[in-house]
Amino acid sequence: MGPVRFALIMCLGLTLGAPITAARAQTPPAAPAAPEAVDPFEAEMMRARILARLGLVQEALAAYRALLERHRDDRRLREDYAELLVDAGQLDQAGPAVDR
């Protein structure tokens, strides 16, 4: 068997030149999976992180502050906010942001 015929067999699912079995050939393709619902809080966290990574520090800080107004008890959120404050050179505000 030559390399071209072998490639055809492998790619097209042919067995020794015969088409795929009728049962497999009639199976409809699977429906695409439904996208998972995204938690609005997680979406806003992603937005704030992306803004920070893009260097849009003031916008990112504002996004974090808005999140903190609604989710003061989220330690991960406070830590991300404090890290951004440190990166922005606002060291005096970073400590209190974590300790709240």
C-alpha atoms as a PDB file:
ATOM      1  CA  MET A   1       0.000   0.000   0.000  1.00  0.00           C
ATOM      2  CA  GLY A   2       1.467   3.325  -1.013  1.00  0.00           C
ATOM      3  CA  PRO A   3       1.703   6.364   1.250  1.00  0.00           C
ATOM      4  CA  VAL A   4      -1.093   8.205  -0.572  1.00  0.00           C
ATOM      5  CA  ARG A   5      -3.531   5.304  -0.225  1.00  0.00           C
ATOM      6  CA  PHE A   6      -2.549   4.910   3.448  1.00  0.00           C
ATOM      7  CA  ALA A   7      -3.170   8.613   4.066  1.00  0.00           C
ATOM      8  CA  LEU A   8      -6.579   8.348   2.414  1.00  0.00           C
ATOM      9  CA  ILE A   9      -7.471   5.356   4.537  1.00  0.00           C
ATOM     10  CA  MET A  10      -6.415   7.123   7.726  1.00  0.00           C
ATOM     11  CA  CYS A  11      -8.030  10.474   6.916  1.00  0.00           C
ATOM     12  CA  LEU A  12     -11.264   9.282   5.349  1.00  0.00           C
ATOM     13  CA  GLY A  13     -11.893   6.301   7.564  1.00  0.00           C
ATOM     14  CA  LEU A  14     -11.751   3.881   4.664  1.00  0.00           C
ATOM     15  CA  THR A  15     -10.894   0.275   5.279  1.00  0.00           C
ATOM     16  CA  LEU A  16      -9.159  -1.352   2.330  1.00  0.00           C
ATOM     17  CA  GLY A  17     -11.043   0.904  -0.062  1.00  0.00           C
ATOM     18  CA  ALA A  18     -14.527   0.293   1.443  1.00  0.00           C
ATOM     19  CA  PRO A  19     -16.510   3.270   2.760  1.00  0.00           C
ATOM     20  CA  ILE A  20     -17.267   3.753   6.447  1.00  0.00           C
ATOM     21  CA  THR A  21     -19.938   1.393   7.703  1.00  0.00           C
ATOM     22  CA  ALA A  22     -23.488   2.514   7.018  1.00  0.00           C
ATOM     23  CA  ALA A  23     -24.257   2.932  10.726  1.00  0.00           C
ATOM     24  CA  ARG A  24     -21.340   5.318  11.253  1.00  0.00           C
ATOM     25  CA  ALA A  25     -22.032   7.149   8.018  1.00  0.00           C
ATOM     26  CA  GLN A  26     -25.629   7.880   9.056  1.00  0.00           C
ATOM     27  CA  THR A  27     -24.787   9.143  12.525  1.00  0.00           C
ATOM     28  CA  PRO A  28     -25.500  12.866  12.639  1.00  0.00           C
ATOM     29  CA  PRO A  29     -22.689  15.085  13.848  1.00  0.00           C
ATOM     30  CA  ALA A  30     -22.769  15.956  17.521  1.00  0.00           C
ATOM     31  CA  ALA A  31     -24.336  19.269  18.419  1.00  0.00           C
ATOM     32  CA  PRO A  32     -21.883  21.863  19.654  1.00  0.00           C
ATOM     33  CA  ALA A  33     -21.698  22.058  23.418  1.00  0.00           C
ATOM     34  CA  ALA A  34     -23.603  24.896  25.013  1.00  0.00           C
ATOM     35  CA  PRO A  35     -21.314  27.532  26.479  1.00  0.00           C
ATOM     36  CA  GLU A  36     -21.078  27.445  30.238  1.00  0.00           C
ATOM     37  CA  ALA A  37     -22.719  30.286  32.073  1.00  0.00           C
ATOM     38  CA  VAL A  38     -20.194  32.800  33.308  1.00  0.00           C
ATOM     39  CA  ASP A  39     -20.578  34.143  36.812  1.00  0.00           C
ATOM     40  CA  PRO A  40     -20.979  37.948  36.543  1.00  0.00           C
ATOM     41  CA  PHE A  41     -18.527  38.456  39.415  1.00  0.00           C
ATOM     42  CA  GLU A  42     -15.887  36.332  37.666  1.00  0.00           C
ATOM     43  CA  ALA A  43     -16.503  38.197  34.408  1.00  0.00           C
ATOM     44  CA  GLU A  44     -15.915  41.537  36.129  1.00  0.00           C
ATOM     45  CA  MET A  45     -12.773  40.170  37.791  1.00  0.00           C
ATOM     46  CA  MET A  46     -11.480  39.101  34.370  1.00  0.00           C
ATOM     47  CA  ARG A  47     -12.263  42.528  32.976  1.00  0.00           C
ATOM     48  CA  ALA A  48     -10.332  44.254  35.767  1.00  0.00           C
ATOM     49  CA  ARG A  49      -7.353  41.929  35.279  1.00  0.00           C
ATOM     50  CA  ILE A  50      -7.335  42.471  31.521  1.00  0.00           C
ATOM     51  CA  LEU A  51      -7.448  46.237  31.973  1.00  0.00           C
ATOM     52  CA  ALA A  52      -4.447  45.982  34.293  1.00  0.00           C
ATOM     53  CA  ARG A  53      -2.522  43.787  31.863  1.00  0.00           C
ATOM     54  CA  LEU A  54      -3.217  46.243  29.067  1.00  0.00           C
ATOM     55  CA  GLY A  55      -1.652  48.971  31.179  1.00  0.00           C
ATOM     56  CA  LEU A  56      -4.947  50.765  31.722  1.00  0.00           C
ATOM     57  CA  VAL A  57      -4.183  51.138  35.413  1.00  0.00           C
ATOM     58  CA  GLN A  58      -6.720  53.830  36.329  1.00  0.00           C
ATOM     59  CA  GLU A  59      -9.521  51.933  34.585  1.00  0.00           C
ATOM     60  CA  ALA A  60      -8.445  48.711  36.286  1.00  0.00           C
ATOM     61  CA  LEU A  61      -8.335  50.392  39.705  1.00  0.00           C
ATOM     62  CA  ALA A  62     -11.832  51.784  39.115  1.00  0.00           C
ATOM     63  CA  ALA A  63     -13.091  48.331  38.115  1.00  0.00           C
ATOM     64  CA  TYR A  64     -11.572  46.804  41.251  1.00  0.00           C
ATOM     65  CA  ARG A  65     -13.076  49.542  43.447  1.00  0.00           C
ATOM     66  CA  ALA A  66     -16.514  48.907  41.943  1.00  0.00           C
ATOM     67  CA  LEU A  67     -16.142  45.202  42.653  1.00  0.00           C
ATOM     68  CA  LEU A  68     -14.977  45.881  46.208  1.00  0.00           C
ATOM     69  CA  GLU A  69     -18.091  47.951  46.898  1.00  0.00           C
ATOM     70  CA  ARG A  70     -20.199  44.844  46.277  1.00  0.00           C
ATOM     71  CA  HIS A  71     -17.811  42.112  47.464  1.00  0.00           C
ATOM     72  CA  ARG A  72     -15.822  43.492  50.410  1.00  0.00           C
ATOM     73  CA  ASP A  73     -15.301  40.060  51.958  1.00  0.00           C
ATOM     74  CA  ASP A  74     -13.618  38.486  48.930  1.00  0.00           C
ATOM     75  CA  ARG A  75      -9.977  38.116  49.959  1.00  0.00           C
ATOM     76  CA  ARG A  76      -8.789  37.176  46.464  1.00  0.00           C
ATOM     77  CA  LEU A  77     -10.334  40.367  45.098  1.00  0.00           C
ATOM     78  CA  ARG A  78      -8.671  42.480  47.796  1.00  0.00           C
ATOM     79  CA  GLU A  79      -5.314  40.811  47.134  1.00  0.00           C
ATOM     80  CA  ASP A  80      -5.548  41.423  43.367  1.00  0.00           C
ATOM     81  CA  TYR A  81      -6.464  45.051  44.048  1.00  0.00           C
ATOM     82  CA  ALA A  82      -3.553  45.458  46.466  1.00  0.00           C
ATOM     83  CA  GLU A  83      -1.157  43.924  43.948  1.00  0.00           C
ATOM     84  CA  LEU A  84      -2.283  46.431  41.332  1.00  0.00           C
ATOM     85  CA  LEU A  85      -1.844  49.266  43.834  1.00  0.00           C
ATOM     86  CA  VAL A  86       1.730  48.116  44.478  1.00  0.00           C
ATOM     87  CA  ASP A  87       2.417  47.917  40.744  1.00  0.00           C
ATOM     88  CA  ALA A  88       0.999  51.431  40.374  1.00  0.00           C
ATOM     89  CA  GLY A  89       3.324  52.717  43.109  1.00  0.00           C
ATOM     90  CA  GLN A  90       0.500  53.371  45.573  1.00  0.00           C
ATOM     91  CA  LEU A  91       2.138  51.433  48.387  1.00  0.00           C
ATOM     92  CA  ASP A  92       0.427  53.396  51.167  1.00  0.00           C
ATOM     93  CA  GLN A  93      -2.988  52.130  49.997  1.00  0.00           C
ATOM     94  CA  ALA A  94      -1.987  48.524  49.300  1.00  0.00           C
ATOM     95  CA  GLY A  95      -1.717  47.331  52.911  1.00  0.00           C
ATOM     96  CA  PRO A  96      -5.090  48.658  54.046  1.00  0.00           C
ATOM     97  CA  ALA A  97      -6.736  47.172  50.937  1.00  0.00           C
ATOM     98  CA  VAL A  98      -5.784  43.664  52.053  1.00  0.00           C
ATOM     99  CA  ASP A  99      -6.407  44.147  55.768  1.00  0.00           C
ATOM    100  CA  ARG A 100     -10.031  45.275  55.529  1.00  0.00           C
END
